[in-house]
């Protein structure tokens, strides 16, 4: 299985492709030095391959490299972060301003 993760705009998200086809994404909004992840999705036909974990891992690594704080609103990203405590130093709970930025 050949996969790759890339950052996309409009909407802002990290996409994962499998065999050249978009398989899923982790969507976010950047707000005041914080990257708020609010939705992760993998197509049903790509389920069970661990692709959500791959795209979230790459998204978190990129966020760290960019010097931003990770804010997990998405339940999948929250769960992933609990299994990867090495990223606790850049993770924070969402604030009302973070939640407003999602709708903004």
N, C-alpha and C. Protein backbone atom coordinates (compact mmCIF):
# COMPACT_ATOMS: atom_id res chain seq x y z
N UNK A 1 0.85 -1.18 0.00
CA UNK A 1 0.00 0.00 0.00
C UNK A 1 0.89 1.24 0.00
N UNK A 2 0.68 2.10 -0.96
CA UNK A 2 1.44 3.34 -1.07
C UNK A 2 0.58 4.49 -0.56
N UNK A 3 1.05 5.16 0.51
CA UNK A 3 0.31 6.29 1.07
C UNK A 3 1.22 7.51 1.13
N UNK A 4 0.59 8.68 1.12
CA UNK A 4 1.32 9.92 1.34
C UNK A 4 0.39 10.91 2.01
N UNK A 5 0.98 11.84 2.78
CA UNK A 5 0.21 12.88 3.47
C UNK A 5 0.70 14.22 2.97
N UNK A 6 -0.23 15.11 2.68
CA UNK A 6 0.13 16.46 2.22
C UNK A 6 -0.82 17.47 2.86
N UNK A 7 -0.31 18.69 3.00
CA UNK A 7 -1.14 19.77 3.52
C UNK A 7 -1.87 20.42 2.36
N UNK A 8 -3.14 20.68 2.56
CA UNK A 8 -3.99 21.30 1.55
C UNK A 8 -4.62 22.57 2.11
N UNK A 9 -5.07 23.43 1.20
CA UNK A 9 -5.75 24.66 1.59
C UNK A 9 -7.15 24.67 1.00
N UNK A 10 -8.00 25.43 1.66
CA UNK A 10 -9.36 25.70 1.15
C UNK A 10 -10.16 24.42 0.93
N UNK A 11 -10.48 23.70 1.98
CA UNK A 11 -10.25 24.00 3.39
C UNK A 11 -8.87 23.54 3.86
N UNK A 12 -8.44 24.14 4.98
CA UNK A 12 -7.15 23.77 5.57
C UNK A 12 -7.26 22.36 6.13
N UNK A 13 -6.40 21.47 5.64
CA UNK A 13 -6.41 20.10 6.14
C UNK A 13 -5.18 19.36 5.67
N UNK A 14 -4.90 18.27 6.36
CA UNK A 14 -3.88 17.33 5.93
C UNK A 14 -4.62 16.18 5.29
N UNK A 15 -4.26 15.86 4.06
CA UNK A 15 -4.91 14.77 3.32
C UNK A 15 -3.98 13.57 3.24
N UNK A 16 -4.57 12.39 3.31
CA UNK A 16 -3.82 11.18 3.08
C UNK A 16 -4.34 10.53 1.81
N UNK A 17 -3.43 10.12 0.96
CA UNK A 17 -3.80 9.41 -0.25
C UNK A 17 -3.30 7.97 -0.15
N UNK A 18 -4.06 7.09 -0.75
CA UNK A 18 -3.69 5.67 -0.80
C UNK A 18 -3.78 5.26 -2.26
N UNK A 19 -2.66 4.80 -2.79
CA UNK A 19 -2.60 4.41 -4.20
C UNK A 19 -3.08 5.56 -5.10
N UNK A 20 -2.73 6.80 -4.72
CA UNK A 20 -3.05 7.97 -5.53
C UNK A 20 -4.44 8.53 -5.36
N UNK A 21 -5.25 7.93 -4.51
CA UNK A 21 -6.63 8.38 -4.30
C UNK A 21 -6.77 8.97 -2.91
N UNK A 22 -7.46 10.13 -2.79
CA UNK A 22 -7.67 10.74 -1.47
C UNK A 22 -8.48 9.77 -0.62
N UNK A 23 -7.90 9.38 0.52
CA UNK A 23 -8.53 8.40 1.39
C UNK A 23 -9.13 9.04 2.64
N UNK A 24 -8.59 10.18 3.03
CA UNK A 24 -9.09 10.83 4.24
C UNK A 24 -8.34 12.11 4.53
N UNK A 25 -8.69 12.72 5.68
CA UNK A 25 -8.10 14.01 6.03
C UNK A 25 -8.28 14.31 7.51
N UNK A 26 -7.46 15.24 7.99
CA UNK A 26 -7.60 15.84 9.32
C UNK A 26 -7.73 17.35 9.07
N UNK A 27 -8.90 17.89 9.36
CA UNK A 27 -9.18 19.30 9.07
C UNK A 27 -8.87 20.16 10.30
N UNK A 28 -8.40 21.38 10.05
CA UNK A 28 -8.01 22.26 11.14
C UNK A 28 -8.22 23.71 10.76
N UNK A 29 -8.09 24.57 11.78
CA UNK A 29 -8.04 26.01 11.58
C UNK A 29 -6.90 26.52 12.46
N UNK A 30 -6.09 27.43 11.93
CA UNK A 30 -5.02 28.06 12.71
C UNK A 30 -5.57 29.34 13.33
N UNK A 31 -5.25 29.52 14.63
CA UNK A 31 -5.81 30.65 15.38
C UNK A 31 -4.83 31.03 16.49
N UNK A 32 -4.26 32.22 16.41
CA UNK A 32 -3.38 32.76 17.46
C UNK A 32 -2.28 31.78 17.89
N UNK A 33 -1.58 31.20 16.93
CA UNK A 33 -0.48 30.29 17.25
C UNK A 33 -0.94 28.91 17.67
N UNK A 34 -2.21 28.63 17.46
CA UNK A 34 -2.80 27.35 17.85
C UNK A 34 -3.41 26.70 16.61
N UNK A 35 -3.19 25.42 16.45
CA UNK A 35 -3.80 24.67 15.35
C UNK A 35 -4.91 23.82 15.95
N UNK A 36 -6.14 24.18 15.61
CA UNK A 36 -7.33 23.53 16.18
C UNK A 36 -7.81 22.46 15.20
N UNK A 37 -7.63 21.20 15.59
CA UNK A 37 -8.10 20.08 14.77
C UNK A 37 -9.53 19.77 15.17
N UNK A 38 -10.45 19.86 14.20
CA UNK A 38 -11.86 19.69 14.54
C UNK A 38 -12.57 18.58 13.78
N UNK A 39 -11.93 17.98 12.79
CA UNK A 39 -12.61 16.89 12.08
C UNK A 39 -11.59 16.00 11.38
N UNK A 40 -11.72 14.70 11.61
CA UNK A 40 -10.90 13.71 10.93
C UNK A 40 -11.84 12.70 10.29
N UNK A 41 -11.52 12.32 9.06
CA UNK A 41 -12.41 11.40 8.33
C UNK A 41 -11.58 10.54 7.39
N UNK A 42 -11.95 9.27 7.31
CA UNK A 42 -11.37 8.36 6.33
C UNK A 42 -12.54 7.69 5.61
N UNK A 43 -12.45 7.63 4.29
CA UNK A 43 -13.51 7.02 3.50
C UNK A 43 -13.75 5.58 3.92
N UNK A 44 -15.00 5.19 3.90
CA UNK A 44 -15.41 3.85 4.32
C UNK A 44 -14.62 2.75 3.60
N UNK A 45 -14.38 2.96 2.32
CA UNK A 45 -13.66 1.95 1.53
C UNK A 45 -12.19 1.82 1.93
N UNK A 46 -11.69 2.78 2.75
CA UNK A 46 -10.30 2.75 3.20
C UNK A 46 -10.18 2.39 4.68
N UNK A 47 -11.30 2.07 5.31
CA UNK A 47 -11.32 1.76 6.73
C UNK A 47 -10.47 0.54 7.09
N UNK A 48 -10.02 0.52 8.33
CA UNK A 48 -9.29 -0.62 8.84
C UNK A 48 -7.84 -0.72 8.40
N UNK A 49 -7.32 0.33 7.77
CA UNK A 49 -5.94 0.30 7.27
C UNK A 49 -5.01 1.19 8.10
N UNK A 50 -5.54 1.80 9.16
CA UNK A 50 -4.72 2.67 10.00
C UNK A 50 -4.43 4.03 9.41
N UNK A 51 -5.18 4.42 8.39
CA UNK A 51 -4.89 5.68 7.69
C UNK A 51 -5.19 6.91 8.54
N UNK A 52 -6.22 6.84 9.40
CA UNK A 52 -6.51 8.00 10.26
C UNK A 52 -5.33 8.27 11.18
N UNK A 53 -4.76 7.23 11.74
CA UNK A 53 -3.60 7.40 12.61
C UNK A 53 -2.41 7.98 11.88
N UNK A 54 -2.21 7.56 10.65
CA UNK A 54 -1.08 8.07 9.86
C UNK A 54 -1.26 9.55 9.56
N UNK A 55 -2.45 9.95 9.12
CA UNK A 55 -2.65 11.36 8.78
C UNK A 55 -2.56 12.24 10.02
N UNK A 56 -3.09 11.77 11.14
CA UNK A 56 -3.02 12.57 12.37
C UNK A 56 -1.57 12.67 12.85
N UNK A 57 -0.84 11.57 12.80
CA UNK A 57 0.56 11.62 13.22
C UNK A 57 1.36 12.63 12.40
N UNK A 58 1.19 12.61 11.09
CA UNK A 58 1.91 13.55 10.23
C UNK A 58 1.45 14.99 10.49
N UNK A 59 0.16 15.18 10.74
CA UNK A 59 -0.36 16.52 11.03
C UNK A 59 0.22 17.06 12.33
N UNK A 60 0.33 16.22 13.35
CA UNK A 60 0.88 16.64 14.63
C UNK A 60 2.37 16.94 14.48
N UNK A 61 3.10 16.11 13.75
CA UNK A 61 4.53 16.35 13.52
C UNK A 61 4.73 17.69 12.82
N UNK A 62 3.92 17.96 11.80
CA UNK A 62 4.03 19.22 11.07
C UNK A 62 3.71 20.41 11.97
N UNK A 63 2.70 20.25 12.80
CA UNK A 63 2.32 21.32 13.73
C UNK A 63 3.47 21.63 14.68
N UNK A 64 4.12 20.59 15.18
CA UNK A 64 5.29 20.77 16.06
C UNK A 64 6.39 21.51 15.31
N UNK A 65 6.69 21.09 14.09
CA UNK A 65 7.74 21.72 13.30
C UNK A 65 7.46 23.20 13.05
N UNK A 66 6.16 23.54 12.93
CA UNK A 66 5.79 24.93 12.69
C UNK A 66 5.73 25.76 13.98
N UNK A 67 5.96 25.11 15.12
CA UNK A 67 5.98 25.82 16.39
C UNK A 67 4.61 26.21 16.92
N UNK A 68 3.59 25.48 16.49
CA UNK A 68 2.22 25.78 16.92
C UNK A 68 1.78 24.82 18.03
N UNK A 69 0.76 25.23 18.74
CA UNK A 69 0.15 24.40 19.78
C UNK A 69 -0.97 23.58 19.16
N UNK A 70 -1.06 22.32 19.55
CA UNK A 70 -2.12 21.43 19.08
C UNK A 70 -3.33 21.57 20.00
N UNK A 71 -4.48 21.83 19.41
CA UNK A 71 -5.74 21.87 20.15
C UNK A 71 -6.66 20.84 19.51
N UNK A 72 -7.02 19.81 20.28
CA UNK A 72 -7.84 18.73 19.76
C UNK A 72 -9.30 18.93 20.15
N UNK A 73 -10.13 19.23 19.16
CA UNK A 73 -11.57 19.26 19.34
C UNK A 73 -12.14 17.95 18.78
N UNK A 74 -11.55 17.47 17.71
CA UNK A 74 -11.94 16.20 17.08
C UNK A 74 -11.72 15.04 18.06
N UNK A 75 -12.74 14.21 18.28
CA UNK A 75 -12.59 13.07 19.19
C UNK A 75 -11.46 12.12 18.80
N UNK A 76 -11.25 11.91 17.51
CA UNK A 76 -10.19 11.00 17.09
C UNK A 76 -8.82 11.57 17.44
N UNK A 77 -8.61 12.86 17.20
CA UNK A 77 -7.32 13.48 17.52
C UNK A 77 -7.09 13.45 19.03
N UNK A 78 -8.14 13.72 19.83
CA UNK A 78 -8.02 13.64 21.29
C UNK A 78 -7.56 12.25 21.71
N UNK A 79 -8.20 11.23 21.16
CA UNK A 79 -7.86 9.85 21.51
C UNK A 79 -6.43 9.53 21.08
N UNK A 80 -6.04 9.95 19.89
CA UNK A 80 -4.69 9.69 19.39
C UNK A 80 -3.66 10.32 20.33
N UNK A 81 -3.92 11.54 20.77
CA UNK A 81 -2.98 12.23 21.65
C UNK A 81 -2.83 11.52 23.00
N UNK A 82 -3.90 10.91 23.51
CA UNK A 82 -3.78 10.19 24.79
C UNK A 82 -2.89 8.97 24.63
N UNK A 83 -2.81 8.43 23.43
CA UNK A 83 -1.95 7.27 23.17
C UNK A 83 -0.52 7.67 22.82
N UNK A 84 -0.29 8.97 22.64
CA UNK A 84 1.02 9.49 22.25
C UNK A 84 1.39 10.65 23.17
N UNK A 85 1.68 10.35 24.44
CA UNK A 85 1.95 11.41 25.42
C UNK A 85 3.21 12.22 25.12
N UNK A 86 4.01 11.77 24.18
CA UNK A 86 5.20 12.54 23.82
C UNK A 86 4.85 13.89 23.19
N UNK A 87 3.58 14.09 22.86
CA UNK A 87 3.15 15.36 22.29
C UNK A 87 2.39 16.23 23.30
N UNK A 88 2.36 15.81 24.56
CA UNK A 88 1.64 16.56 25.59
C UNK A 88 2.21 17.97 25.77
N UNK A 89 3.50 18.13 25.48
CA UNK A 89 4.14 19.44 25.67
C UNK A 89 3.64 20.50 24.69
N UNK A 90 3.00 20.07 23.60
CA UNK A 90 2.48 21.06 22.64
C UNK A 90 0.96 20.99 22.52
N UNK A 91 0.30 20.26 23.43
CA UNK A 91 -1.15 20.08 23.37
C UNK A 91 -1.83 20.86 24.49
N UNK A 92 -2.94 21.49 24.14
CA UNK A 92 -3.74 22.21 25.13
C UNK A 92 -5.21 21.98 24.87
N UNK A 93 -6.01 22.14 25.90
CA UNK A 93 -7.46 22.01 25.78
C UNK A 93 -8.01 23.21 24.99
N UNK A 94 -9.12 23.01 24.30
CA UNK A 94 -9.71 24.12 23.54
C UNK A 94 -10.28 25.20 24.46
N UNK A 95 -10.15 26.43 24.03
CA UNK A 95 -10.74 27.58 24.72
C UNK A 95 -11.98 28.02 23.94
N UNK A 96 -12.80 28.86 24.54
CA UNK A 96 -13.94 29.39 23.77
C UNK A 96 -13.50 30.09 22.48
N UNK A 97 -12.36 30.76 22.50
CA UNK A 97 -11.86 31.42 21.28
C UNK A 97 -11.48 30.41 20.20
N UNK A 98 -10.91 29.27 20.63
CA UNK A 98 -10.59 28.22 19.67
C UNK A 98 -11.86 27.70 19.01
N UNK A 99 -12.88 27.46 19.82
CA UNK A 99 -14.14 26.94 19.27
C UNK A 99 -14.80 27.95 18.34
N UNK A 100 -14.71 29.23 18.68
CA UNK A 100 -15.26 30.28 17.83
C UNK A 100 -14.52 30.35 16.50
N UNK A 101 -13.20 30.08 16.51
CA UNK A 101 -12.40 30.13 15.29
C UNK A 101 -12.85 29.07 14.28
N UNK A 102 -13.37 27.95 14.78
CA UNK A 102 -13.83 26.88 13.87
C UNK A 102 -14.99 27.38 13.03
N UNK A 103 -15.88 28.11 13.65
CA UNK A 103 -17.05 28.62 12.95
C UNK A 103 -16.78 29.90 12.17
N UNK A 104 -15.61 30.51 12.50
CA UNK A 104 -15.29 31.82 12.04
C UNK A 104 -15.05 32.03 10.63
